[in-house]
Amino acid sequence: MQEKIFNLTDILAAIKNKWKTITIIVLLALATATITLFIIPKKYKAQCVSIVQNPLMADKAKLFNSNIQNLYSILGNGDDLDVVYNLSKLDIIYYQLVDEFNLINYYNIEGKTLEIKRRKALLALQDDLKITKSEINLLKVVVYATDAAFAAKLANRTTALIQYLQEDVWKKNYELIHDHLIISIDKMEKQIITISDTLRSTQTSDDNKLLLLNKRQTLLDEIQKYRKEALESQLMIETVPPALLIIDKSIPSTNVVKPDKLLTLITVFFIALVFAILLALIIERKKTNA
């Protein structure tokens, strides 16, 4: 025979008969939670908020073409934010923070090798450091730490590393272009020297001399153009614009955010209450069936 399920009458009866037991269980749970809240380390929250810069601001056309300068928007869009956000998730940033802030000691990490310790510190850092993006294209770096000043410093440094990583991508792109231009210029200069040597030869016919002269002039024009582009690329390497515009730099907070004592106690209260009532119902059911 299938036993009947608990109904409202059963619950009210169990509460009435076992209210002392229920009260004791709830009070014990609250007391345990209160003691635990005072024992566990308090954590402060630090937040650094920034806006992604339009990557077209790093385009040399923005600097050297006056006709299209006004067509560029300073702020990036959602796609630009996604690029920076994905870069921010790379382990290179977390490892840099682990080493700079000596987080192995901060988290009291133990391990057989340094690499194991660094990896464990990275995982611990990921629990305390959250990087998010908002619907209005804001990049937020949030840090929780037991020291307010340390949390603020870590949040600001994380943002700076993300910014540097994006700017380094732009810089390396122009360095690659610059290097290719220099190589091309070198090749063309060697070709010009070869042509000039050929022109001085008495065995070169007049028709060939005319062709060589035209080719040399073309190379000279190309070299002039490439040198101009190389100078522009070099200038862009030296003047990479900021990838992020920081609108809210983190400062040490005076408010403890973790643990949230009120929310924790309320949660513990309801969980303990439900558990105590269920326990009372089970006890009452066993008495009834006995």
Protein backbone atom coordinates (compact mmCIF):
# COMPACT_ATOMS: atom_id res chain seq x y z
CA MET A 1 0.00 0.00 0.00
CA GLN A 2 1.31 3.42 -0.96
CA GLU A 3 1.87 5.74 1.96
CA LYS A 4 0.17 9.11 1.84
CA ILE A 5 2.34 12.11 1.21
CA PHE A 6 2.79 14.89 3.72
CA ASN A 7 0.01 17.47 3.68
CA LEU A 8 -0.49 20.81 5.40
CA THR A 9 -2.16 19.14 8.38
CA ASP A 10 0.84 16.86 8.89
CA ILE A 11 3.23 19.82 8.70
CA LEU A 12 1.28 21.94 11.20
CA ALA A 13 0.97 19.01 13.56
CA ALA A 14 4.68 18.27 13.38
CA ILE A 15 5.55 21.91 14.02
CA LYS A 16 3.18 22.00 17.00
CA ASN A 17 4.51 18.79 18.52
CA LYS A 18 8.19 19.36 17.78
CA TRP A 19 8.52 23.13 17.94
CA LYS A 20 11.21 22.93 20.60
CA THR A 21 13.31 20.56 18.52
CA ILE A 22 12.81 22.74 15.45
CA THR A 23 13.82 25.85 17.39
CA ILE A 24 16.93 24.18 18.80
CA ILE A 25 18.05 22.99 15.35
CA VAL A 26 17.55 26.45 13.81
CA LEU A 27 19.35 28.19 16.69
CA LEU A 28 22.26 25.75 16.53
CA ALA A 29 22.57 26.30 12.77
CA LEU A 30 22.50 30.08 13.20
CA ALA A 31 25.04 29.93 16.02
CA THR A 32 27.37 27.76 13.94
CA ALA A 33 26.98 30.07 10.95
CA THR A 34 27.62 33.16 13.08
CA ILE A 35 30.81 31.71 14.56
CA THR A 36 31.98 30.65 11.11
CA LEU A 37 31.31 34.13 9.69
CA PHE A 38 33.56 35.67 12.32
CA ILE A 39 36.32 33.12 11.74
CA ILE A 40 36.60 33.13 7.95
CA PRO A 41 38.65 35.99 6.42
CA LYS A 42 36.79 39.12 5.42
CA LYS A 43 37.14 40.21 1.82
CA TYR A 44 36.96 43.63 0.18
CA LYS A 45 35.80 44.31 -3.36
CA ALA A 46 37.74 46.42 -5.87
CA GLN A 47 36.50 47.28 -9.34
CA CYS A 48 38.13 48.93 -12.34
CA VAL A 49 35.85 49.88 -15.24
CA SER A 50 37.03 50.80 -18.72
CA ILE A 51 35.77 51.34 -22.26
CA VAL A 52 37.38 49.64 -25.23
CA GLN A 53 39.10 51.96 -27.68
CA ASN A 54 38.19 51.72 -31.37
CA PRO A 55 41.01 49.68 -33.01
CA LEU A 56 40.82 52.01 -36.01
CA MET A 57 42.41 54.62 -33.74
CA ALA A 58 45.58 52.53 -34.16
CA ASP A 59 45.33 52.77 -37.96
CA LYS A 60 48.00 55.04 -39.43
CA ALA A 61 45.39 56.41 -41.82
CA LYS A 62 43.84 58.12 -38.77
CA LEU A 63 47.08 60.01 -38.24
CA PHE A 64 48.25 60.67 -41.79
CA ASN A 65 45.03 61.08 -43.78
CA SER A 66 43.30 64.29 -42.76
CA ASN A 67 40.32 63.56 -45.02
CA ILE A 68 39.10 60.60 -42.95
CA GLN A 69 40.15 61.56 -39.43
CA ASN A 70 36.64 62.69 -38.50
CA LEU A 71 35.15 59.39 -39.66
CA TYR A 72 36.64 57.50 -36.71
CA SER A 73 34.74 56.99 -33.46
CA ILE A 74 36.85 56.93 -30.31
CA LEU A 75 34.81 54.19 -28.64
CA GLY A 76 34.85 50.59 -29.80
CA ASN A 77 31.79 48.43 -30.42
CA GLY A 78 30.71 45.04 -29.11
CA ASP A 79 33.00 43.15 -31.48
CA ASP A 80 36.00 45.20 -30.32
CA LEU A 81 35.05 44.45 -26.70
CA ASP A 82 34.84 40.72 -27.48
CA VAL A 83 38.41 40.77 -28.81
CA VAL A 84 39.77 42.46 -25.68
CA TYR A 85 37.61 40.28 -23.42
CA ASN A 86 38.94 37.09 -25.01
CA LEU A 87 42.51 38.35 -24.63
CA SER A 88 41.84 39.02 -20.95
CA LYS A 89 41.10 35.33 -20.41
CA LEU A 90 44.57 34.21 -21.50
CA ASP A 91 46.73 32.54 -18.84
CA ILE A 92 49.58 34.92 -19.66
CA ILE A 93 47.81 37.70 -17.75
CA TYR A 94 47.09 35.53 -14.71
CA TYR A 95 50.63 34.17 -14.59
CA GLN A 96 51.99 37.71 -14.79
CA LEU A 97 49.86 38.67 -11.79
CA VAL A 98 50.89 35.54 -9.89
CA ASP A 99 54.55 36.45 -10.29
CA GLU A 100 54.25 40.22 -9.76
CA PHE A 101 52.17 39.97 -6.58
CA ASN A 102 53.84 36.81 -5.24
CA LEU A 103 50.46 35.10 -5.05
CA ILE A 104 52.05 31.74 -4.26
CA ASN A 105 52.82 33.06 -0.79
CA TYR A 106 49.61 35.10 -0.63
CA TYR A 107 47.49 31.97 -1.08
CA ASN A 108 49.90 29.74 0.90
CA ILE A 109 50.27 27.43 -2.08
CA GLU A 110 52.12 24.15 -1.65
CA GLY A 111 53.47 21.92 -4.41
CA LYS A 112 56.39 19.82 -5.56
CA THR A 113 57.56 22.19 -8.30
CA LEU A 114 57.37 25.89 -9.01
CA GLU A 115 55.17 25.30 -12.05
CA ILE A 116 52.67 23.34 -9.97
CA LYS A 117 52.61 26.13 -7.39
CA ARG A 118 52.15 28.78 -10.07
CA ARG A 119 49.28 26.82 -11.62
CA LYS A 120 47.55 26.40 -8.25
CA ALA A 121 47.98 30.11 -7.56
CA LEU A 122 46.48 30.90 -10.96
CA LEU A 123 43.41 28.80 -10.19
CA ALA A 124 43.04 30.47 -6.78
CA LEU A 125 43.35 33.88 -8.42
CA GLN A 126 40.60 33.05 -10.91
CA ASP A 127 38.24 32.58 -7.95
CA ASP A 128 39.02 36.08 -6.64
CA LEU A 129 39.37 37.90 -9.96
CA LYS A 130 36.39 38.25 -12.27
CA ILE A 131 36.53 39.91 -15.70
CA THR A 132 33.14 40.68 -17.23
CA LYS A 133 31.68 42.72 -20.07
CA SER A 134 28.45 44.68 -19.88
CA GLU A 135 25.71 45.26 -22.44
CA ILE A 136 26.89 48.86 -22.86
CA ASN A 137 30.40 47.76 -23.90
CA LEU A 138 32.12 48.24 -20.55
CA LEU A 139 34.95 45.99 -19.40
CA LYS A 140 34.86 45.37 -15.66
CA VAL A 141 37.68 43.89 -13.60
CA VAL A 142 36.50 42.88 -10.12
CA VAL A 143 38.84 41.62 -7.39
CA TYR A 144 38.06 40.22 -3.95
CA ALA A 145 40.88 40.23 -1.40
CA THR A 146 41.42 40.31 2.34
CA ASP A 147 43.24 43.65 2.03
CA ALA A 148 41.39 46.59 0.46
CA ALA A 149 44.50 48.32 -0.87
CA PHE A 150 45.80 45.07 -2.33
CA ALA A 151 42.45 44.42 -4.05
CA ALA A 152 42.47 47.88 -5.65
CA LYS A 153 46.06 47.53 -6.78
CA LEU A 154 45.39 44.11 -8.28
CA ALA A 155 42.29 45.34 -10.15
CA ASN A 156 44.14 48.30 -11.64
CA ARG A 157 47.15 46.20 -12.60
CA THR A 158 44.96 43.58 -14.26
CA THR A 159 43.32 46.29 -16.38
CA ALA A 160 46.74 47.67 -17.29
CA LEU A 161 47.95 44.22 -18.40
CA ILE A 162 44.85 43.71 -20.57
CA GLN A 163 45.45 47.12 -22.11
CA TYR A 164 49.12 46.38 -22.73
CA LEU A 165 48.30 43.03 -24.35
CA GLN A 166 45.93 44.64 -26.86
CA GLU A 167 48.33 47.49 -27.59
CA ASP A 168 51.14 44.99 -28.07
CA VAL A 169 49.06 43.25 -30.77
CA TRP A 170 48.72 46.57 -32.61
CA LYS A 171 52.40 47.34 -32.13
CA LYS A 172 53.58 43.95 -33.39
CA ASN A 173 51.40 44.37 -36.48
CA TYR A 174 53.15 47.61 -37.38
CA GLU A 175 56.55 46.15 -36.52
CA LEU A 176 55.85 43.35 -38.99
CA ILE A 177 54.83 45.84 -41.67
CA HIS A 178 57.88 48.00 -40.95
CA ASP A 179 60.24 45.03 -41.18
CA HIS A 180 58.76 43.94 -44.52
CA LEU A 181 59.12 47.47 -45.87
CA ILE A 182 62.78 47.65 -44.83
CA ILE A 183 63.47 44.27 -46.46
CA SER A 184 61.76 45.41 -49.66
CA ILE A 185 63.72 48.67 -49.70
CA ASP A 186 66.97 46.75 -49.26
CA LYS A 187 66.13 44.45 -52.18
CA MET A 188 65.24 47.37 -54.44
CA GLU A 189 68.44 49.23 -53.53
CA LYS A 190 70.46 46.18 -54.50
CA GLN A 191 68.58 46.01 -57.79
CA ILE A 192 69.37 49.67 -58.45
CA ILE A 193 73.07 49.07 -57.81
CA THR A 194 73.02 46.14 -60.22
CA ILE A 195 71.25 48.24 -62.87
CA SER A 196 73.72 51.10 -62.41
CA ASP A 197 76.65 48.72 -62.84
CA THR A 198 75.07 47.35 -66.00
CA LEU A 199 74.50 50.85 -67.39
CA ARG A 200 78.19 51.66 -66.97
CA SER A 201 79.13 48.60 -69.02
CA THR A 202 80.18 49.41 -72.59
CA GLN A 203 78.57 46.22 -73.83
CA THR A 204 75.03 47.36 -72.97
CA SER A 205 73.03 48.39 -76.02
CA ASP A 206 71.20 51.70 -76.20
CA ASP A 207 67.81 49.99 -76.18
CA ASN A 208 68.69 48.02 -73.05
CA LYS A 209 70.04 51.16 -71.42
CA LEU A 210 66.72 52.90 -71.97
CA LEU A 211 64.83 50.00 -70.41
CA LEU A 212 67.23 49.86 -67.49
CA LEU A 213 66.95 53.60 -66.94
CA ASN A 214 63.16 53.34 -66.81
CA LYS A 215 63.34 50.38 -64.45
CA ARG A 216 65.79 52.19 -62.19
CA GLN A 217 63.56 55.25 -62.04
CA THR A 218 60.57 53.07 -61.18
CA LEU A 219 62.55 51.45 -58.38
CA LEU A 220 63.65 54.86 -57.10
CA ASP A 221 60.02 56.00 -57.00
CA GLU A 222 59.00 52.82 -55.19
CA ILE A 223 61.80 53.23 -52.67
CA GLN A 224 60.67 56.77 -51.93
CA LYS A 225 57.11 55.53 -51.38
CA TYR A 226 58.25 52.62 -49.19
CA ARG A 227 60.50 54.85 -47.10
CA LYS A 228 57.57 57.16 -46.43
CA GLU A 229 55.43 54.21 -45.34
CA ALA A 230 58.28 52.86 -43.21
CA LEU A 231 58.56 56.21 -41.42
CA GLU A 232 54.80 56.24 -40.85
CA SER A 233 54.89 52.68 -39.49
CA GLN A 234 57.79 53.54 -37.20
CA LEU A 235 55.84 56.50 -35.86
CA MET A 236 52.80 54.28 -35.21
CA ILE A 237 55.04 51.82 -33.34
CA GLU A 238 56.25 54.63 -31.11
CA THR A 239 52.81 56.21 -30.60
CA VAL A 240 50.41 53.29 -30.13
CA PRO A 241 47.13 54.74 -28.76
CA PRO A 242 45.63 53.35 -25.53
CA ALA A 243 43.48 50.27 -26.08
CA LEU A 244 41.31 51.03 -23.05
CA LEU A 245 39.88 54.24 -21.67
CA ILE A 246 39.64 53.82 -17.89
CA ILE A 247 36.54 55.58 -16.60
CA ASP A 248 36.52 54.27 -13.03
CA LYS A 249 39.91 53.50 -11.53
CA SER A 250 39.81 51.28 -8.47
CA ILE A 251 40.44 52.75 -5.03
CA PRO A 252 40.60 50.92 -1.66
CA SER A 253 37.13 50.18 -0.28
CA THR A 254 36.07 50.40 3.36
CA ASN A 255 33.14 47.99 3.04
CA VAL A 256 33.44 44.24 3.52
CA VAL A 257 31.50 42.40 0.80
CA LYS A 258 32.47 38.82 1.56
CA PRO A 259 31.04 37.12 3.41
CA ASP A 260 27.63 38.80 3.25
CA LYS A 261 26.64 38.14 6.86
CA LEU A 262 22.99 39.10 6.61
CA LEU A 263 22.35 37.14 3.42
CA THR A 264 24.25 34.14 4.80
CA LEU A 265 22.30 34.10 8.06
CA ILE A 266 18.97 34.45 6.28
CA THR A 267 19.87 31.57 3.96
CA VAL A 268 21.03 29.39 6.87
CA PHE A 269 17.84 30.19 8.78
CA PHE A 270 15.51 29.01 6.00
CA ILE A 271 17.60 25.94 5.17
CA ALA A 272 17.75 24.94 8.85
CA LEU A 273 14.02 25.59 9.25
CA VAL A 274 13.10 23.40 6.28
CA PHE A 275 15.46 20.67 7.46
CA ALA A 276 14.08 20.78 11.01
CA ILE A 277 10.46 20.60 9.81
CA LEU A 278 11.24 17.66 7.51
CA LEU A 279 12.98 15.90 10.37
CA ALA A 280 9.98 16.51 12.61
CA LEU A 281 7.64 15.15 9.93
CA ILE A 282 9.72 11.99 9.57
CA ILE A 283 9.74 11.45 13.33
CA GLU A 284 5.99 11.96 13.55
CA ARG A 285 5.40 9.59 10.64
CA LYS A 286 7.46 6.86 12.30
CA LYS A 287 5.47 7.29 15.53
CA THR A 288 2.23 7.01 13.58
CA ASN A 289 3.33 3.88 11.76
CA ALA A 290 4.73 2.26 14.90
